[in-house]
Amino acid sequence: MLLSDQDIVQALDLGKIKVDPFPDFSTQLGSCSIDFHLGNIFRVFEHSKYSHIDLRSNFSINELMRKVSVADGEAFTIQPGDFVLAATRETLELSDDIMGRLEGRSSLARIGIIVHSTAGLFDPGWVGTATLELGNLGRMPVKLYPGDRICAFTFHQLSSPVKVPYKKKSGNKYAGQIEPEGSRFSNDFQ
């Protein structure tokens, strides 16, 4: 069941969904979603230093990406064809019987900005900031500002709590992240 605005408020009151900082309902609460804001940290690929990514090699994503910090009031310009990682300003924590889904915003999509490629599912028991997979599919550079509403979360009530929530799952890769995290795909082969 997809949660409505009333259900989201109730889940927040009960602590089944936790958002920090707490959302301003007048600007962030939609009919069935909560808007999240863009954070200040971006990770960009160092494509001029590396010719490829070998998913089966034991690579350090930190070597392949450069961290860029953008102050409030300043812009991060995403060029056409670029792909960068960013994170939400808010931290999200989900109970063991609620899942979240990260959704793009239509206003950004209409100028070519996507906020996630495929990683839109947030398992029950998730805790941390959401890493955004930002891409510019348009033909013009776009300036993104930390603090702007960048995405929305919808929430689904599960029929029962999961046996193993994400934060307790052996080998979870991203629980507790506070900045945009690069791929840990190579961990799958260790």
Protein backbone atom coordinates (compact mmCIF):
# COMPACT_ATOMS: atom_id res chain seq x y z
CA MET A 1 0.00 0.00 0.00
CA LEU A 2 1.33 3.41 -1.01
CA LEU A 3 1.16 5.88 1.89
CA SER A 4 -0.88 9.07 1.47
CA ASP A 5 0.10 12.42 2.97
CA GLN A 6 -1.94 11.59 6.08
CA ASP A 7 -0.28 8.17 6.39
CA ILE A 8 3.19 9.71 5.99
CA VAL A 9 2.51 12.23 8.78
CA GLN A 10 1.23 9.43 11.02
CA ALA A 11 4.30 7.26 10.22
CA LEU A 12 6.55 10.21 11.09
CA ASP A 13 4.66 10.74 14.37
CA LEU A 14 5.04 7.03 15.22
CA GLY A 15 8.74 6.97 14.30
CA LYS A 16 8.21 4.40 11.53
CA ILE A 17 9.71 6.96 9.14
CA LYS A 18 12.37 9.30 10.48
CA VAL A 19 13.63 12.29 8.51
CA ASP A 20 16.36 14.57 9.87
CA PRO A 21 16.02 17.48 9.69
CA PHE A 22 12.28 17.08 10.15
CA PRO A 23 10.36 18.10 7.02
CA ASP A 24 8.50 21.36 6.64
CA PHE A 25 5.09 20.06 5.62
CA SER A 26 4.10 23.34 3.94
CA THR A 27 6.88 23.03 1.34
CA GLN A 28 7.93 19.35 1.36
CA LEU A 29 4.82 17.23 1.87
CA GLY A 30 3.03 16.19 -1.30
CA SER A 31 -0.14 14.14 -1.71
CA CYS A 32 1.87 10.92 -1.34
CA SER A 33 5.51 11.98 -0.99
CA ILE A 34 8.08 14.08 0.87
CA ASP A 35 10.55 16.25 -1.03
CA PHE A 36 14.22 16.02 -0.03
CA HIS A 37 16.92 18.65 -0.58
CA LEU A 38 20.25 18.49 -2.39
CA GLY A 39 23.30 18.24 -0.13
CA ASN A 40 26.67 19.97 -0.50
CA ILE A 41 28.92 17.06 -1.52
CA PHE A 42 29.32 15.76 -5.07
CA ARG A 43 31.50 12.96 -6.44
CA VAL A 44 32.70 13.25 -10.03
CA PHE A 45 34.50 10.65 -12.12
CA GLU A 46 38.13 11.31 -13.00
CA HIS A 47 37.57 10.14 -16.58
CA SER A 48 40.68 11.95 -17.80
CA LYS A 49 42.85 9.78 -15.50
CA TYR A 50 41.23 6.37 -16.08
CA SER A 51 40.27 4.74 -19.36
CA HIS A 52 37.68 2.33 -17.94
CA ILE A 53 36.15 0.70 -14.88
CA ASP A 54 36.69 -3.05 -14.54
CA LEU A 55 33.87 -4.29 -12.30
CA ARG A 56 35.67 -7.56 -11.58
CA SER A 57 38.88 -5.92 -10.42
CA ASN A 58 39.47 -4.91 -6.84
CA PHE A 59 39.31 -1.18 -7.44
CA SER A 60 38.98 1.71 -5.03
CA ILE A 61 36.11 3.94 -6.08
CA ASN A 62 37.78 6.81 -4.21
CA GLU A 63 40.62 6.69 -6.76
CA LEU A 64 38.15 6.90 -9.66
CA MET A 65 36.16 9.80 -8.22
CA ARG A 66 36.95 13.25 -6.89
CA LYS A 67 34.98 14.81 -4.02
CA VAL A 68 33.66 18.33 -4.63
CA SER A 69 32.19 20.44 -1.80
CA VAL A 70 29.85 23.26 -2.76
CA ALA A 71 28.95 25.94 -0.22
CA ASP A 72 25.36 27.00 0.34
CA GLY A 73 24.46 29.74 -2.14
CA GLU A 74 26.98 28.48 -4.70
CA ALA A 75 26.15 26.25 -7.65
CA PHE A 76 27.37 22.94 -9.00
CA THR A 77 27.16 22.98 -12.79
CA ILE A 78 26.31 19.66 -14.38
CA GLN A 79 27.33 19.58 -18.02
CA PRO A 80 25.36 17.80 -20.77
CA GLY A 81 26.17 14.09 -20.69
CA ASP A 82 27.70 14.29 -17.21
CA PHE A 83 27.01 11.76 -14.50
CA VAL A 84 27.81 12.64 -10.88
CA LEU A 85 26.87 11.40 -7.45
CA ALA A 86 25.35 13.64 -4.81
CA ALA A 87 23.39 13.06 -1.63
CA THR A 88 20.29 14.37 0.02
CA ARG A 89 20.65 16.84 2.86
CA GLU A 90 18.17 14.77 4.88
CA THR A 91 18.90 11.49 6.58
CA LEU A 92 16.19 8.85 6.22
CA GLU A 93 15.48 5.94 8.56
CA LEU A 94 12.80 3.36 7.83
CA SER A 95 11.16 0.85 10.14
CA ASP A 96 11.22 -2.87 9.37
CA ASP A 97 7.81 -2.77 7.67
CA ILE A 98 8.15 0.36 5.47
CA MET A 99 10.05 0.65 2.20
CA GLY A 100 10.90 3.88 0.43
CA ARG A 101 11.17 4.77 -3.22
CA LEU A 102 13.21 7.69 -4.47
CA GLU A 103 11.49 9.56 -7.27
CA GLY A 104 12.68 12.30 -9.59
CA ARG A 105 10.97 15.66 -9.79
CA SER A 106 9.11 16.48 -12.98
CA SER A 107 10.35 20.09 -12.96
CA LEU A 108 13.95 18.86 -13.17
CA ALA A 109 13.23 16.07 -15.65
CA ARG A 110 11.73 18.65 -18.02
CA ILE A 111 15.16 20.29 -18.31
CA GLY A 112 16.99 16.97 -18.66
CA ILE A 113 18.08 16.30 -15.07
CA ILE A 114 17.61 12.75 -13.78
CA VAL A 115 18.18 12.02 -10.09
CA HIS A 116 18.49 8.24 -10.16
CA SER A 117 19.42 5.75 -12.81
CA THR A 118 18.06 2.56 -11.28
CA ALA A 119 18.68 2.73 -7.54
CA GLY A 120 15.29 3.99 -6.42
CA LEU A 121 14.44 1.31 -3.84
CA PHE A 122 15.20 1.82 -0.13
CA ASP A 123 14.74 -1.38 1.82
CA PRO A 124 12.95 -1.65 5.15
CA GLY A 125 15.48 -0.88 7.86
CA TRP A 126 17.38 1.63 5.68
CA VAL A 127 19.28 4.37 7.52
CA GLY A 128 21.43 7.12 5.99
CA THR A 129 21.39 9.80 3.34
CA ALA A 130 20.28 8.84 -0.15
CA THR A 131 22.93 8.84 -2.84
CA LEU A 132 21.60 10.52 -5.97
CA GLU A 133 22.75 9.39 -9.41
CA LEU A 134 22.53 12.74 -11.19
CA GLY A 135 22.66 12.91 -14.95
CA ASN A 136 22.15 15.70 -17.44
CA LEU A 137 20.37 14.31 -20.49
CA GLY A 138 19.79 17.79 -21.89
CA ARG A 139 21.89 19.86 -24.25
CA MET A 140 22.56 22.75 -21.88
CA PRO A 141 24.56 22.94 -18.64
CA VAL A 142 22.37 23.20 -15.52
CA LYS A 143 23.31 24.83 -12.22
CA LEU A 144 22.22 22.86 -9.16
CA TYR A 145 22.20 24.54 -5.74
CA PRO A 146 22.62 22.78 -2.39
CA GLY A 147 19.41 23.11 -0.40
CA ASP A 148 17.11 23.02 -3.44
CA ARG A 149 14.40 20.35 -3.54
CA ILE A 150 15.96 17.64 -5.70
CA CYS A 151 13.84 14.49 -5.29
CA ALA A 152 10.82 13.02 -3.54
CA PHE A 153 10.34 9.88 -1.47
CA THR A 154 7.23 7.76 -1.55
CA PHE A 155 6.63 5.04 1.02
CA HIS A 156 4.98 1.63 0.96
CA GLN A 157 3.60 -0.34 3.89
CA LEU A 158 4.71 -4.00 3.76
CA SER A 159 2.29 -6.79 4.66
CA SER A 160 4.59 -7.74 7.56
CA PRO A 161 7.97 -6.68 8.95
CA VAL A 162 10.99 -8.12 7.15
CA LYS A 163 13.03 -10.81 8.90
CA VAL A 164 16.33 -9.02 8.29
CA PRO A 165 16.17 -5.22 7.93
CA TYR A 166 18.76 -3.62 5.66
CA LYS A 167 20.84 -2.08 8.44
CA LYS A 168 21.25 -5.54 10.04
CA LYS A 169 21.81 -7.42 6.78
CA SER A 170 25.17 -9.14 6.55
CA GLY A 171 27.20 -7.47 3.84
CA ASN A 172 24.99 -4.41 3.36
CA LYS A 173 27.05 -1.91 1.44
CA TYR A 174 25.54 1.47 2.09
CA ALA A 175 23.72 1.57 5.46
CA GLY A 176 24.63 4.62 7.53
CA GLN A 177 26.16 6.61 4.69
CA ILE A 178 26.37 10.35 5.28
CA GLU A 179 27.84 11.43 1.93
CA PRO A 180 27.34 10.24 -1.64
CA GLU A 181 28.92 6.83 -1.89
CA GLY A 182 30.44 5.40 -5.02
CA SER A 183 29.75 1.87 -6.23
CA ARG A 184 30.89 -1.01 -4.08
CA PHE A 185 30.09 -3.51 -6.85
CA SER A 186 33.56 -5.05 -6.66
CA ASN A 187 32.69 -6.22 -3.12
CA ASP A 188 30.29 -8.72 -4.72
CA PHE A 189 33.26 -10.75 -5.94
CA GLN A 190 35.29 -10.85 -2.72
